[in-house]
């Protein structure tokens, strides 16, 4: 999994980068098919906006959250994309029709 972290209108220090990488690598336990992950943190007047784009085999999952603190925004965006990853993984593994006997 290749992780890219970008900042717009702000700078991320090493602590925030390591924290974001740790949270993103946790998402790897939900799917083995993650190719690349892009995190974009933007600062605006009202706070930070975190956008997370996960590229899988043939699909891109996206999540966007807003918070007053960078860490809270990253936490929320990763929590919000977890159900999407679970659903994608279930679609991959639940391709057979269950028949009742």
N, C-alpha and C. Protein backbone atom coordinates (compact mmCIF):
# COMPACT_ATOMS: atom_id res chain seq x y z
N UNK A 1 0.85 -1.17 0.00
CA UNK A 1 0.00 0.00 0.00
C UNK A 1 0.90 1.24 0.00
N UNK A 2 0.64 2.10 -0.97
CA UNK A 2 1.41 3.34 -1.08
C UNK A 2 0.57 4.48 -0.50
N UNK A 3 1.13 5.21 0.45
CA UNK A 3 0.42 6.28 1.13
C UNK A 3 1.02 7.62 0.73
N UNK A 4 0.14 8.55 0.30
CA UNK A 4 0.55 9.90 -0.05
C UNK A 4 -0.23 10.87 0.82
N UNK A 5 0.48 11.78 1.49
CA UNK A 5 -0.15 12.77 2.35
C UNK A 5 0.21 14.15 1.83
N UNK A 6 -0.82 14.94 1.50
CA UNK A 6 -0.62 16.29 1.00
C UNK A 6 -1.30 17.29 1.92
N UNK A 7 -0.73 18.49 2.00
CA UNK A 7 -1.33 19.56 2.80
C UNK A 7 -1.53 20.78 1.90
N UNK A 8 -2.71 21.37 2.03
CA UNK A 8 -3.02 22.57 1.28
C UNK A 8 -3.29 23.71 2.26
N UNK A 9 -2.65 24.83 2.04
CA UNK A 9 -2.82 26.02 2.87
C UNK A 9 -2.38 25.81 4.31
N UNK A 10 -1.56 24.82 4.55
CA UNK A 10 -1.01 24.57 5.89
C UNK A 10 0.20 23.65 5.73
N UNK A 11 0.91 23.43 6.82
CA UNK A 11 2.03 22.50 6.83
C UNK A 11 1.80 21.46 7.91
N UNK A 12 2.11 20.23 7.58
CA UNK A 12 1.98 19.15 8.55
C UNK A 12 3.36 18.84 9.12
N UNK A 13 3.45 18.79 10.44
CA UNK A 13 4.73 18.42 11.04
C UNK A 13 4.85 16.90 11.06
N UNK A 14 6.00 16.41 11.47
CA UNK A 14 6.26 14.96 11.46
C UNK A 14 5.29 14.19 12.34
N UNK A 15 4.91 14.76 13.47
CA UNK A 15 3.97 14.09 14.37
C UNK A 15 2.65 13.82 13.67
N UNK A 16 2.11 14.84 12.99
CA UNK A 16 0.84 14.67 12.30
C UNK A 16 0.95 13.70 11.13
N UNK A 17 2.08 13.72 10.43
CA UNK A 17 2.28 12.78 9.31
C UNK A 17 2.34 11.35 9.82
N UNK A 18 3.10 11.11 10.89
CA UNK A 18 3.19 9.76 11.45
C UNK A 18 1.85 9.29 11.98
N UNK A 19 1.11 10.20 12.62
CA UNK A 19 -0.21 9.85 13.15
C UNK A 19 -1.15 9.45 12.02
N UNK A 20 -1.16 10.22 10.94
CA UNK A 20 -2.02 9.91 9.80
C UNK A 20 -1.62 8.59 9.15
N UNK A 21 -0.32 8.34 9.01
CA UNK A 21 0.14 7.07 8.43
C UNK A 21 -0.28 5.89 9.29
N UNK A 22 -0.20 6.04 10.60
CA UNK A 22 -0.60 4.97 11.51
C UNK A 22 -2.08 4.66 11.36
N UNK A 23 -2.89 5.70 11.30
CA UNK A 23 -4.34 5.51 11.16
C UNK A 23 -4.68 4.88 9.81
N UNK A 24 -3.99 5.29 8.76
CA UNK A 24 -4.26 4.76 7.43
C UNK A 24 -3.81 3.31 7.31
N UNK A 25 -2.66 2.96 7.88
CA UNK A 25 -2.21 1.57 7.79
C UNK A 25 -3.13 0.63 8.55
N UNK A 26 -3.84 1.14 9.56
CA UNK A 26 -4.84 0.32 10.26
C UNK A 26 -5.95 -0.14 9.32
N UNK A 27 -6.23 0.65 8.29
CA UNK A 27 -7.28 0.30 7.34
C UNK A 27 -6.91 -0.92 6.50
N UNK A 28 -5.64 -1.26 6.46
CA UNK A 28 -5.18 -2.42 5.70
C UNK A 28 -5.74 -3.73 6.20
N UNK A 29 -6.20 -3.78 7.43
CA UNK A 29 -6.75 -5.03 7.96
C UNK A 29 -8.14 -5.34 7.40
N UNK A 30 -8.79 -4.34 6.80
CA UNK A 30 -10.12 -4.55 6.23
C UNK A 30 -10.07 -5.06 4.80
N UNK A 31 -8.98 -4.80 4.09
CA UNK A 31 -8.88 -5.25 2.70
C UNK A 31 -7.42 -5.42 2.31
N UNK A 32 -7.15 -6.48 1.59
CA UNK A 32 -5.80 -6.74 1.08
C UNK A 32 -5.61 -6.15 -0.32
N UNK A 33 -6.66 -5.57 -0.88
CA UNK A 33 -6.63 -5.11 -2.25
C UNK A 33 -6.35 -3.62 -2.39
N UNK A 34 -5.91 -2.96 -1.33
CA UNK A 34 -5.64 -1.52 -1.37
C UNK A 34 -4.33 -1.28 -2.13
N UNK A 35 -4.42 -0.47 -3.18
CA UNK A 35 -3.24 -0.15 -3.98
C UNK A 35 -2.58 1.14 -3.48
N UNK A 36 -3.32 2.24 -3.51
CA UNK A 36 -2.78 3.52 -3.06
C UNK A 36 -3.81 4.23 -2.18
N UNK A 37 -3.29 5.07 -1.30
CA UNK A 37 -4.13 5.87 -0.42
C UNK A 37 -3.63 7.31 -0.49
N UNK A 38 -4.55 8.24 -0.75
CA UNK A 38 -4.21 9.66 -0.80
C UNK A 38 -4.98 10.39 0.29
N UNK A 39 -4.25 11.09 1.15
CA UNK A 39 -4.86 11.91 2.19
C UNK A 39 -4.52 13.36 1.88
N UNK A 40 -5.56 14.19 1.79
CA UNK A 40 -5.37 15.61 1.53
C UNK A 40 -5.95 16.37 2.72
N UNK A 41 -5.09 17.15 3.39
CA UNK A 41 -5.52 17.97 4.53
C UNK A 41 -5.48 19.42 4.09
N UNK A 42 -6.63 20.08 4.22
CA UNK A 42 -6.76 21.48 3.80
C UNK A 42 -7.16 22.32 5.00
N UNK A 43 -6.53 23.50 5.13
CA UNK A 43 -6.91 24.42 6.20
C UNK A 43 -7.74 25.54 5.59
N UNK A 44 -8.89 25.79 6.19
CA UNK A 44 -9.74 26.91 5.79
C UNK A 44 -10.10 27.71 7.03
N UNK A 45 -10.86 28.74 6.89
CA UNK A 45 -11.17 29.66 7.99
C UNK A 45 -11.78 28.95 9.20
N UNK A 46 -12.63 27.98 8.96
CA UNK A 46 -13.37 27.33 10.02
C UNK A 46 -12.69 26.08 10.58
N UNK A 47 -11.60 25.62 9.99
CA UNK A 47 -10.89 24.46 10.51
C UNK A 47 -10.21 23.66 9.42
N UNK A 48 -9.98 22.38 9.71
CA UNK A 48 -9.28 21.49 8.79
C UNK A 48 -10.27 20.56 8.10
N UNK A 49 -10.02 20.30 6.83
CA UNK A 49 -10.81 19.35 6.06
C UNK A 49 -9.86 18.23 5.63
N UNK A 50 -10.24 17.00 5.94
CA UNK A 50 -9.44 15.83 5.55
C UNK A 50 -10.21 15.04 4.50
N UNK A 51 -9.57 14.80 3.37
CA UNK A 51 -10.15 13.99 2.30
C UNK A 51 -9.29 12.74 2.16
N UNK A 52 -9.94 11.60 2.11
CA UNK A 52 -9.23 10.33 1.98
C UNK A 52 -9.73 9.61 0.74
N UNK A 53 -8.81 9.26 -0.16
CA UNK A 53 -9.13 8.53 -1.38
C UNK A 53 -8.36 7.21 -1.34
N UNK A 54 -9.09 6.11 -1.39
CA UNK A 54 -8.47 4.79 -1.39
C UNK A 54 -8.72 4.15 -2.75
N UNK A 55 -7.64 3.79 -3.43
CA UNK A 55 -7.73 3.17 -4.74
C UNK A 55 -7.55 1.67 -4.59
N UNK A 56 -8.60 0.93 -5.00
CA UNK A 56 -8.59 -0.52 -4.96
C UNK A 56 -8.58 -1.03 -6.39
N UNK A 57 -8.65 -2.32 -6.56
CA UNK A 57 -8.70 -2.90 -7.90
C UNK A 57 -9.99 -2.48 -8.61
N UNK A 58 -9.92 -1.46 -9.44
CA UNK A 58 -11.07 -1.03 -10.22
C UNK A 58 -12.04 -0.12 -9.49
N UNK A 59 -11.78 0.28 -8.28
CA UNK A 59 -12.70 1.10 -7.50
C UNK A 59 -11.93 2.15 -6.71
N UNK A 60 -12.57 3.28 -6.47
CA UNK A 60 -12.01 4.30 -5.60
C UNK A 60 -13.04 4.64 -4.53
N UNK A 61 -12.64 4.56 -3.28
CA UNK A 61 -13.50 4.92 -2.15
C UNK A 61 -13.06 6.29 -1.65
N UNK A 62 -14.02 7.15 -1.33
CA UNK A 62 -13.72 8.51 -0.93
C UNK A 62 -14.48 8.87 0.33
N UNK A 63 -13.81 9.63 1.19
CA UNK A 63 -14.43 10.12 2.41
C UNK A 63 -13.89 11.52 2.69
N UNK A 64 -14.74 12.38 3.28
CA UNK A 64 -14.35 13.76 3.55
C UNK A 64 -14.94 14.17 4.89
N UNK A 65 -14.11 14.73 5.75
CA UNK A 65 -14.57 15.17 7.08
C UNK A 65 -13.94 16.51 7.42
N UNK A 66 -14.61 17.23 8.30
CA UNK A 66 -14.17 18.55 8.71
C UNK A 66 -14.14 18.63 10.23
N UNK A 67 -13.08 19.24 10.78
CA UNK A 67 -12.95 19.38 12.23
C UNK A 67 -12.03 20.56 12.55
N UNK A 68 -12.01 20.95 13.82
CA UNK A 68 -11.18 22.07 14.25
C UNK A 68 -9.73 21.67 14.40
N UNK A 69 -9.44 20.36 14.59
CA UNK A 69 -8.09 19.87 14.80
C UNK A 69 -7.74 18.85 13.72
N UNK A 70 -6.47 18.78 13.35
CA UNK A 70 -6.03 17.85 12.30
C UNK A 70 -6.27 16.40 12.73
N UNK A 71 -5.91 16.07 13.96
CA UNK A 71 -6.05 14.69 14.41
C UNK A 71 -7.50 14.24 14.44
N UNK A 72 -8.39 15.10 14.87
CA UNK A 72 -9.80 14.75 14.90
C UNK A 72 -10.33 14.54 13.48
N UNK A 73 -9.91 15.38 12.54
CA UNK A 73 -10.34 15.24 11.16
C UNK A 73 -9.84 13.92 10.56
N UNK A 74 -8.60 13.56 10.85
CA UNK A 74 -8.05 12.30 10.34
C UNK A 74 -8.77 11.10 10.97
N UNK A 75 -9.03 11.17 12.28
CA UNK A 75 -9.77 10.10 12.95
C UNK A 75 -11.14 9.90 12.32
N UNK A 76 -11.86 10.99 12.13
CA UNK A 76 -13.21 10.90 11.60
C UNK A 76 -13.24 10.37 10.17
N UNK A 77 -12.28 10.81 9.36
CA UNK A 77 -12.26 10.38 7.96
C UNK A 77 -11.92 8.89 7.86
N UNK A 78 -11.04 8.39 8.71
CA UNK A 78 -10.73 6.96 8.68
C UNK A 78 -11.89 6.13 9.23
N UNK A 79 -12.56 6.64 10.25
CA UNK A 79 -13.72 5.92 10.78
C UNK A 79 -14.85 5.89 9.77
N UNK A 80 -14.98 6.93 9.00
CA UNK A 80 -16.06 7.00 8.03
C UNK A 80 -15.82 6.09 6.83
N UNK A 81 -14.57 5.80 6.52
CA UNK A 81 -14.30 4.97 5.34
C UNK A 81 -14.25 3.47 5.70
N UNK A 82 -14.14 3.14 6.98
CA UNK A 82 -14.12 1.73 7.39
C UNK A 82 -15.34 0.95 6.91
N UNK A 83 -16.57 1.45 7.09
CA UNK A 83 -17.72 0.68 6.58
C UNK A 83 -17.70 0.50 5.07
N UNK A 84 -17.18 1.48 4.34
CA UNK A 84 -17.07 1.35 2.90
C UNK A 84 -16.12 0.21 2.52
N UNK A 85 -14.99 0.13 3.24
CA UNK A 85 -14.04 -0.95 2.99
C UNK A 85 -14.64 -2.31 3.33
N UNK A 86 -15.36 -2.39 4.45
CA UNK A 86 -15.99 -3.64 4.83
C UNK A 86 -17.00 -4.08 3.78
N UNK A 87 -17.80 -3.15 3.30
CA UNK A 87 -18.81 -3.47 2.30
C UNK A 87 -18.15 -3.93 1.00
N UNK A 88 -17.08 -3.26 0.59
CA UNK A 88 -16.35 -3.66 -0.62
C UNK A 88 -15.79 -5.07 -0.47
N UNK A 89 -15.22 -5.35 0.69
CA UNK A 89 -14.64 -6.67 0.94
C UNK A 89 -15.72 -7.76 0.94
N UNK A 90 -16.90 -7.46 1.50
CA UNK A 90 -17.99 -8.42 1.49
C UNK A 90 -18.47 -8.70 0.07
N UNK A 91 -18.50 -7.68 -0.77
CA UNK A 91 -18.90 -7.88 -2.16
C UNK A 91 -17.93 -8.82 -2.88
N UNK A 92 -16.66 -8.69 -2.59
CA UNK A 92 -15.67 -9.55 -3.23
C UNK A 92 -15.81 -11.00 -2.81
N UNK A 93 -16.08 -11.24 -1.54
CA UNK A 93 -16.08 -12.60 -1.02
C UNK A 93 -17.47 -13.23 -1.02
N UNK A 94 -18.51 -12.47 -1.22
CA UNK A 94 -19.86 -13.01 -1.20
C UNK A 94 -20.42 -13.06 -2.62
N UNK A 95 -19.71 -13.72 -3.52
CA UNK A 95 -20.12 -13.76 -4.91
C UNK A 95 -20.98 -14.97 -5.25
N UNK A 96 -21.12 -15.89 -4.35
CA UNK A 96 -21.94 -17.08 -4.59
C UNK A 96 -23.35 -16.87 -4.04
N UNK A 97 -24.28 -17.46 -4.70
CA UNK A 97 -25.67 -17.41 -4.24
C UNK A 97 -25.86 -18.53 -3.22
N UNK A 98 -26.36 -18.19 -2.06
CA UNK A 98 -26.60 -19.20 -1.02
C UNK A 98 -27.93 -19.87 -1.30
N UNK A 99 -27.91 -21.19 -1.38
CA UNK A 99 -29.12 -21.95 -1.66
C UNK A 99 -29.57 -22.67 -0.41
N UNK A 100 -30.85 -22.66 -0.23
CA UNK A 100 -31.41 -23.37 0.93
C UNK A 100 -31.81 -24.76 0.48
N UNK A 101 -31.56 -25.76 1.32
CA UNK A 101 -31.86 -27.15 0.96
C UNK A 101 -33.24 -27.56 1.42
